[in-house]
């Protein structure tokens, strides 16, 4: 019983430290000057514009409103992440010429399809 209490106390302390470090990092990030990014030009190459757009869609999709269910939240955020990977792989197939990278892009599309379907089914099952 004492071992359980000690382990529980240690886990609680580690969790508190993790939360405090995370909160500090988030607050520190808010103070960072991002003005240097304002002058950056948008990419003009078709594939670069496509990658940029796919990345923006993926990050918007990953910015979920959290529920009370960590499993649902994982599936919802990872769904957008996997869909982003597929979108980038499709861009590679459309514009890329390197056989190794084109083959990898196809493997990514094939592998992610099953995981996307599994996450979509899980989300639908929970009504989320």
N, C-alpha and C. Protein backbone atom coordinates (compact mmCIF):
# COMPACT_ATOMS: atom_id res chain seq x y z
N UNK A 1 0.82 -1.19 0.00
CA UNK A 1 0.00 0.00 0.00
C UNK A 1 0.86 1.24 0.00
N UNK A 2 1.98 1.22 0.78
CA UNK A 2 2.87 2.37 0.84
C UNK A 2 3.54 2.61 -0.50
N UNK A 3 3.88 1.52 -1.21
CA UNK A 3 4.49 1.65 -2.53
C UNK A 3 3.54 2.33 -3.49
N UNK A 4 2.25 1.96 -3.43
CA UNK A 4 1.25 2.56 -4.30
C UNK A 4 1.12 4.05 -4.01
N UNK A 5 1.06 4.40 -2.73
CA UNK A 5 0.94 5.81 -2.34
C UNK A 5 2.15 6.60 -2.79
N UNK A 6 3.35 6.02 -2.64
CA UNK A 6 4.57 6.70 -3.06
C UNK A 6 4.58 6.88 -4.57
N UNK A 7 4.20 5.85 -5.32
CA UNK A 7 4.16 5.94 -6.78
C UNK A 7 3.14 6.98 -7.23
N UNK A 8 2.00 7.00 -6.57
CA UNK A 8 0.96 7.98 -6.91
C UNK A 8 1.46 9.39 -6.66
N UNK A 9 2.14 9.60 -5.55
CA UNK A 9 2.70 10.92 -5.22
C UNK A 9 3.74 11.33 -6.26
N UNK A 10 4.59 10.40 -6.66
CA UNK A 10 5.62 10.70 -7.66
C UNK A 10 4.99 11.05 -9.01
N UNK A 11 3.98 10.32 -9.40
CA UNK A 11 3.29 10.60 -10.67
C UNK A 11 2.63 11.96 -10.61
N UNK A 12 1.99 12.27 -9.50
CA UNK A 12 1.33 13.58 -9.34
C UNK A 12 2.36 14.71 -9.42
N UNK A 13 3.52 14.52 -8.79
CA UNK A 13 4.56 15.55 -8.82
C UNK A 13 5.10 15.72 -10.23
N UNK A 14 5.35 14.62 -10.92
CA UNK A 14 5.85 14.71 -12.30
C UNK A 14 4.84 15.39 -13.20
N UNK A 15 3.57 15.10 -13.01
CA UNK A 15 2.52 15.74 -13.80
C UNK A 15 2.48 17.23 -13.54
N UNK A 16 2.59 17.62 -12.28
CA UNK A 16 2.58 19.04 -11.93
C UNK A 16 3.76 19.77 -12.57
N UNK A 17 4.94 19.15 -12.54
CA UNK A 17 6.11 19.77 -13.16
C UNK A 17 5.91 19.89 -14.67
N UNK A 18 5.40 18.85 -15.29
CA UNK A 18 5.16 18.88 -16.73
C UNK A 18 4.20 20.00 -17.09
N UNK A 19 3.10 20.12 -16.36
CA UNK A 19 2.13 21.17 -16.64
C UNK A 19 2.73 22.55 -16.44
N UNK A 20 3.53 22.72 -15.40
CA UNK A 20 4.11 24.04 -15.15
C UNK A 20 5.13 24.39 -16.22
N UNK A 21 5.93 23.41 -16.68
CA UNK A 21 6.89 23.68 -17.76
C UNK A 21 6.17 23.99 -19.06
N UNK A 22 5.12 23.24 -19.35
CA UNK A 22 4.35 23.48 -20.57
C UNK A 22 3.72 24.86 -20.54
N UNK A 23 3.14 25.23 -19.43
CA UNK A 23 2.51 26.55 -19.33
C UNK A 23 3.55 27.64 -19.49
N UNK A 24 4.74 27.46 -18.90
CA UNK A 24 5.80 28.44 -19.04
C UNK A 24 6.25 28.58 -20.48
N UNK A 25 6.36 27.46 -21.18
CA UNK A 25 6.77 27.52 -22.59
C UNK A 25 5.73 28.22 -23.44
N UNK A 26 4.47 27.97 -23.16
CA UNK A 26 3.40 28.62 -23.91
C UNK A 26 3.41 30.12 -23.65
N UNK A 27 3.55 30.51 -22.38
CA UNK A 27 3.60 31.93 -22.06
C UNK A 27 4.84 32.58 -22.65
N UNK A 28 5.97 31.89 -22.64
CA UNK A 28 7.19 32.44 -23.22
C UNK A 28 7.03 32.63 -24.72
N UNK A 29 6.36 31.70 -25.36
CA UNK A 29 6.14 31.79 -26.81
C UNK A 29 5.31 33.03 -27.14
N UNK A 30 4.36 33.37 -26.29
CA UNK A 30 3.53 34.55 -26.54
C UNK A 30 4.35 35.83 -26.56
N UNK A 31 5.52 35.82 -25.92
CA UNK A 31 6.34 37.02 -25.84
C UNK A 31 7.37 37.10 -26.97
N UNK A 32 7.43 36.09 -27.84
CA UNK A 32 8.39 36.07 -28.93
C UNK A 32 7.97 37.06 -30.00
N UNK A 33 8.95 37.79 -30.53
CA UNK A 33 8.70 38.75 -31.60
C UNK A 33 8.68 38.01 -32.93
N UNK A 34 7.53 37.93 -33.56
CA UNK A 34 7.38 37.24 -34.84
C UNK A 34 7.38 38.22 -36.01
N UNK A 35 7.74 39.48 -35.78
CA UNK A 35 7.65 40.49 -36.83
C UNK A 35 8.59 40.20 -38.00
N UNK A 36 9.67 39.45 -37.76
CA UNK A 36 10.60 39.15 -38.85
C UNK A 36 9.95 38.30 -39.93
N UNK A 37 8.91 37.57 -39.59
CA UNK A 37 8.24 36.72 -40.56
C UNK A 37 7.36 37.52 -41.52
N UNK A 38 7.04 38.74 -41.16
CA UNK A 38 6.10 39.53 -41.96
C UNK A 38 6.63 39.81 -43.35
N UNK A 39 7.94 39.92 -43.52
CA UNK A 39 8.50 40.27 -44.82
C UNK A 39 8.73 39.10 -45.74
N UNK A 40 8.46 37.88 -45.28
CA UNK A 40 8.71 36.71 -46.11
C UNK A 40 7.73 36.66 -47.27
N UNK A 41 8.25 36.33 -48.43
CA UNK A 41 7.38 36.25 -49.60
C UNK A 41 6.74 34.87 -49.67
N UNK A 42 5.61 34.82 -50.30
CA UNK A 42 4.92 33.55 -50.50
C UNK A 42 5.66 32.77 -51.58
N UNK A 43 5.69 31.45 -51.48
CA UNK A 43 6.38 30.67 -52.51
C UNK A 43 5.69 30.84 -53.86
N UNK A 44 6.48 30.81 -54.92
CA UNK A 44 5.87 30.98 -56.24
C UNK A 44 5.86 29.70 -57.06
N UNK A 45 6.68 28.72 -56.70
CA UNK A 45 6.67 27.45 -57.42
C UNK A 45 5.36 26.74 -57.15
N UNK A 46 4.75 26.12 -58.15
CA UNK A 46 3.44 25.47 -57.96
C UNK A 46 3.43 24.44 -56.84
N UNK A 47 4.48 23.64 -56.74
CA UNK A 47 4.52 22.63 -55.68
C UNK A 47 4.70 23.27 -54.31
N UNK A 48 5.45 24.34 -54.24
CA UNK A 48 5.65 25.02 -52.96
C UNK A 48 4.34 25.66 -52.49
N UNK A 49 3.61 26.25 -53.42
CA UNK A 49 2.31 26.84 -53.06
C UNK A 49 1.36 25.74 -52.62
N UNK A 50 1.40 24.59 -53.29
CA UNK A 50 0.53 23.47 -52.92
C UNK A 50 0.90 22.92 -51.55
N UNK A 51 2.21 22.76 -51.28
CA UNK A 51 2.64 22.29 -49.96
C UNK A 51 2.22 23.27 -48.88
N UNK A 52 2.37 24.55 -49.14
CA UNK A 52 2.00 25.58 -48.17
C UNK A 52 0.50 25.52 -47.88
N UNK A 53 -0.29 25.38 -48.91
CA UNK A 53 -1.75 25.30 -48.73
C UNK A 53 -2.14 24.03 -47.97
N UNK A 54 -1.53 22.90 -48.32
CA UNK A 54 -1.83 21.64 -47.63
C UNK A 54 -1.44 21.73 -46.16
N UNK A 55 -0.31 22.36 -45.88
CA UNK A 55 0.15 22.53 -44.51
C UNK A 55 -0.83 23.40 -43.72
N UNK A 56 -1.32 24.47 -44.33
CA UNK A 56 -2.28 25.35 -43.65
C UNK A 56 -3.58 24.61 -43.33
N UNK A 57 -4.06 23.81 -44.28
CA UNK A 57 -5.29 23.04 -44.07
C UNK A 57 -5.08 22.03 -42.95
N UNK A 58 -3.93 21.35 -42.96
CA UNK A 58 -3.65 20.35 -41.94
C UNK A 58 -3.60 20.99 -40.55
N UNK A 59 -2.89 22.10 -40.42
CA UNK A 59 -2.79 22.74 -39.11
C UNK A 59 -4.12 23.29 -38.63
N UNK A 60 -4.93 23.79 -39.54
CA UNK A 60 -6.27 24.26 -39.15
C UNK A 60 -7.11 23.08 -38.66
N UNK A 61 -7.01 21.96 -39.34
CA UNK A 61 -7.75 20.77 -38.94
C UNK A 61 -7.29 20.18 -37.62
N UNK A 62 -6.01 20.34 -37.31
CA UNK A 62 -5.47 19.82 -36.05
C UNK A 62 -5.82 20.72 -34.87
N UNK A 63 -6.23 21.94 -35.14
CA UNK A 63 -6.58 22.88 -34.06
C UNK A 63 -8.02 22.62 -33.63
N UNK A 64 -8.21 21.49 -33.00
CA UNK A 64 -9.55 21.05 -32.60
C UNK A 64 -9.98 21.72 -31.31
N UNK A 65 -11.28 21.73 -31.08
CA UNK A 65 -11.82 22.10 -29.77
C UNK A 65 -11.83 20.82 -28.96
N UNK A 66 -11.13 20.82 -27.84
CA UNK A 66 -10.99 19.59 -27.06
C UNK A 66 -12.29 19.23 -26.36
N UNK A 67 -12.52 17.92 -26.32
CA UNK A 67 -13.70 17.38 -25.66
C UNK A 67 -13.27 16.85 -24.29
N UNK A 68 -14.13 16.09 -23.69
CA UNK A 68 -13.80 15.44 -22.43
C UNK A 68 -13.26 14.03 -22.67
N UNK A 69 -12.98 13.70 -23.93
CA UNK A 69 -12.56 12.35 -24.28
C UNK A 69 -11.21 12.40 -25.00
N UNK A 70 -10.12 11.99 -24.33
CA UNK A 70 -8.81 12.05 -24.97
C UNK A 70 -8.69 11.15 -26.19
N UNK A 71 -9.42 10.05 -26.23
CA UNK A 71 -9.38 9.16 -27.38
C UNK A 71 -10.00 9.82 -28.61
N UNK A 72 -11.13 10.46 -28.40
CA UNK A 72 -11.78 11.18 -29.49
C UNK A 72 -10.90 12.33 -29.97
N UNK A 73 -10.32 13.08 -29.04
CA UNK A 73 -9.46 14.20 -29.41
C UNK A 73 -8.24 13.72 -30.20
N UNK A 74 -7.67 12.61 -29.78
CA UNK A 74 -6.53 12.03 -30.52
C UNK A 74 -6.95 11.69 -31.95
N UNK A 75 -8.05 11.01 -32.09
CA UNK A 75 -8.51 10.60 -33.42
C UNK A 75 -8.81 11.81 -34.31
N UNK A 76 -9.44 12.83 -33.74
CA UNK A 76 -9.79 14.02 -34.53
C UNK A 76 -8.55 14.78 -34.97
N UNK A 77 -7.59 14.98 -34.08
CA UNK A 77 -6.38 15.71 -34.44
C UNK A 77 -5.50 14.89 -35.39
N UNK A 78 -5.38 13.61 -35.12
CA UNK A 78 -4.54 12.77 -35.98
C UNK A 78 -5.17 12.57 -37.35
N UNK A 79 -6.47 12.60 -37.44
CA UNK A 79 -7.14 12.50 -38.74
C UNK A 79 -6.67 13.63 -39.64
N UNK A 80 -6.68 14.84 -39.14
CA UNK A 80 -6.22 15.99 -39.94
C UNK A 80 -4.74 15.84 -40.29
N UNK A 81 -3.96 15.34 -39.36
CA UNK A 81 -2.52 15.14 -39.59
C UNK A 81 -2.30 14.13 -40.72
N UNK A 82 -3.02 13.01 -40.67
CA UNK A 82 -2.88 11.98 -41.70
C UNK A 82 -3.40 12.47 -43.05
N UNK A 83 -4.50 13.20 -43.04
CA UNK A 83 -5.02 13.76 -44.29
C UNK A 83 -4.01 14.74 -44.89
N UNK A 84 -3.31 15.48 -44.02
CA UNK A 84 -2.26 16.38 -44.50
C UNK A 84 -1.11 15.62 -45.13
N UNK A 85 -0.75 14.50 -44.53
CA UNK A 85 0.33 13.67 -45.10
C UNK A 85 -0.07 13.14 -46.47
N UNK A 86 -1.31 12.73 -46.62
CA UNK A 86 -1.79 12.24 -47.92
C UNK A 86 -1.79 13.38 -48.94
N UNK A 87 -2.23 14.56 -48.54
CA UNK A 87 -2.25 15.70 -49.46
C UNK A 87 -0.83 16.03 -49.93
N UNK A 88 0.14 16.02 -49.00
CA UNK A 88 1.53 16.30 -49.40
C UNK A 88 2.08 15.20 -50.30
N UNK A 89 1.72 13.96 -50.03
CA UNK A 89 2.17 12.86 -50.88
C UNK A 89 1.57 12.96 -52.27
N UNK A 90 0.33 13.39 -52.37
CA UNK A 90 -0.29 13.59 -53.68
C UNK A 90 0.40 14.71 -54.45
N UNK A 91 0.81 15.76 -53.75
CA UNK A 91 1.55 16.85 -54.39
C UNK A 91 2.89 16.32 -54.91
N UNK A 92 3.54 15.47 -54.12
CA UNK A 92 4.80 14.86 -54.56
C UNK A 92 4.58 14.06 -55.84
N UNK A 93 3.51 13.28 -55.89
CA UNK A 93 3.24 12.49 -57.10
C UNK A 93 2.95 13.39 -58.30
N UNK A 94 2.31 14.50 -58.06
CA UNK A 94 1.98 15.42 -59.15
C UNK A 94 3.21 16.17 -59.67
N UNK A 95 4.11 16.55 -58.77
CA UNK A 95 5.21 17.42 -59.16
C UNK A 95 6.59 16.79 -59.06
N UNK A 96 6.77 15.81 -58.22
CA UNK A 96 8.09 15.24 -57.99
C UNK A 96 8.54 14.33 -59.12
N UNK A 97 9.84 14.20 -59.24
CA UNK A 97 10.40 13.37 -60.31
C UNK A 97 11.30 12.25 -59.79
N UNK A 98 11.77 12.36 -58.55
CA UNK A 98 12.67 11.35 -58.01
C UNK A 98 11.91 10.06 -57.75
N UNK A 99 12.35 8.95 -58.35
CA UNK A 99 11.63 7.68 -58.19
C UNK A 99 11.49 7.23 -56.74
N UNK A 100 12.52 7.44 -55.93
CA UNK A 100 12.46 7.03 -54.52
C UNK A 100 11.40 7.82 -53.76
N UNK A 101 11.36 9.14 -53.97
CA UNK A 101 10.38 9.96 -53.27
C UNK A 101 8.97 9.72 -53.80
N UNK A 102 8.84 9.45 -55.08
CA UNK A 102 7.52 9.13 -55.62
C UNK A 102 7.00 7.81 -55.05
N UNK A 103 7.89 6.84 -54.92
CA UNK A 103 7.51 5.54 -54.33
C UNK A 103 7.13 5.72 -52.86
N UNK A 104 7.89 6.52 -52.13
CA UNK A 104 7.57 6.78 -50.74
C UNK A 104 6.22 7.49 -50.62
N UNK A 105 5.97 8.44 -51.51
CA UNK A 105 4.68 9.14 -51.49
C UNK A 105 3.53 8.15 -51.67
N UNK A 106 3.68 7.20 -52.56
CA UNK A 106 2.61 6.22 -52.78
C UNK A 106 2.43 5.31 -51.58
N UNK A 107 3.53 4.92 -50.94
CA UNK A 107 3.46 4.10 -49.72
C UNK A 107 2.71 4.87 -48.63
N UNK A 108 3.00 6.17 -48.50
CA UNK A 108 2.33 7.00 -47.49
C UNK A 108 0.83 7.05 -47.77
N UNK A 109 0.46 7.27 -49.02
CA UNK A 109 -0.96 7.33 -49.38
C UNK A 109 -1.65 6.01 -49.04
N UNK A 110 -1.03 4.91 -49.42
CA UNK A 110 -1.63 3.59 -49.17
C UNK A 110 -1.74 3.29 -47.68
N UNK A 111 -0.70 3.58 -46.92
CA UNK A 111 -0.70 3.28 -45.49
C UNK A 111 -1.67 4.16 -44.73
N UNK A 112 -1.71 5.44 -45.09
CA UNK A 112 -2.55 6.38 -44.36
C UNK A 112 -4.04 6.14 -44.64
N UNK A 113 -4.37 5.61 -45.79
CA UNK A 113 -5.78 5.40 -46.14
C UNK A 113 -6.49 4.51 -45.12
N UNK A 114 -5.86 3.42 -44.72
CA UNK A 114 -6.47 2.51 -43.74
C UNK A 114 -6.61 3.18 -42.39
N UNK A 115 -5.59 3.95 -41.99
CA UNK A 115 -5.64 4.62 -40.69
C UNK A 115 -6.67 5.75 -40.69
N UNK A 116 -6.78 6.44 -41.81
CA UNK A 116 -7.81 7.49 -41.93
C UNK A 116 -9.20 6.88 -41.80
N UNK A 117 -9.42 5.76 -42.47
CA UNK A 117 -10.72 5.10 -42.38
C UNK A 117 -11.02 4.64 -40.96
N UNK A 118 -10.01 4.11 -40.26
CA UNK A 118 -10.20 3.67 -38.89
C UNK A 118 -10.55 4.84 -37.97
N UNK A 119 -9.86 5.95 -38.14
CA UNK A 119 -10.14 7.12 -37.29
C UNK A 119 -11.52 7.71 -37.60
N UNK A 120 -11.87 7.76 -38.88
CA UNK A 120 -13.19 8.27 -39.26
C UNK A 120 -14.30 7.40 -38.66
N UNK A 121 -14.12 6.10 -38.68
CA UNK A 121 -15.11 5.18 -38.11
C UNK A 121 -15.20 5.38 -36.59
N UNK A 122 -14.07 5.55 -35.92
CA UNK A 122 -14.06 5.77 -34.48
C UNK A 122 -14.77 7.07 -34.13
N UNK A 123 -14.46 8.13 -34.86
CA UNK A 123 -15.08 9.43 -34.61
C UNK A 123 -16.59 9.34 -34.84
N UNK A 124 -17.00 8.68 -35.91
CA UNK A 124 -18.43 8.53 -36.20
C UNK A 124 -19.12 7.71 -35.11
N UNK A 125 -18.45 6.67 -34.61
CA UNK A 125 -19.01 5.82 -33.55
C UNK A 125 -19.30 6.64 -32.30
N UNK A 126 -18.43 7.59 -32.01
CA UNK A 126 -18.60 8.42 -30.81
C UNK A 126 -19.44 9.67 -31.08
N UNK A 127 -19.82 9.84 -32.31
CA UNK A 127 -20.65 11.01 -32.66
C UNK A 127 -19.88 12.30 -32.63
N UNK A 128 -18.56 12.23 -32.77
CA UNK A 128 -17.74 13.43 -32.69
C UNK A 128 -17.25 13.89 -33.98
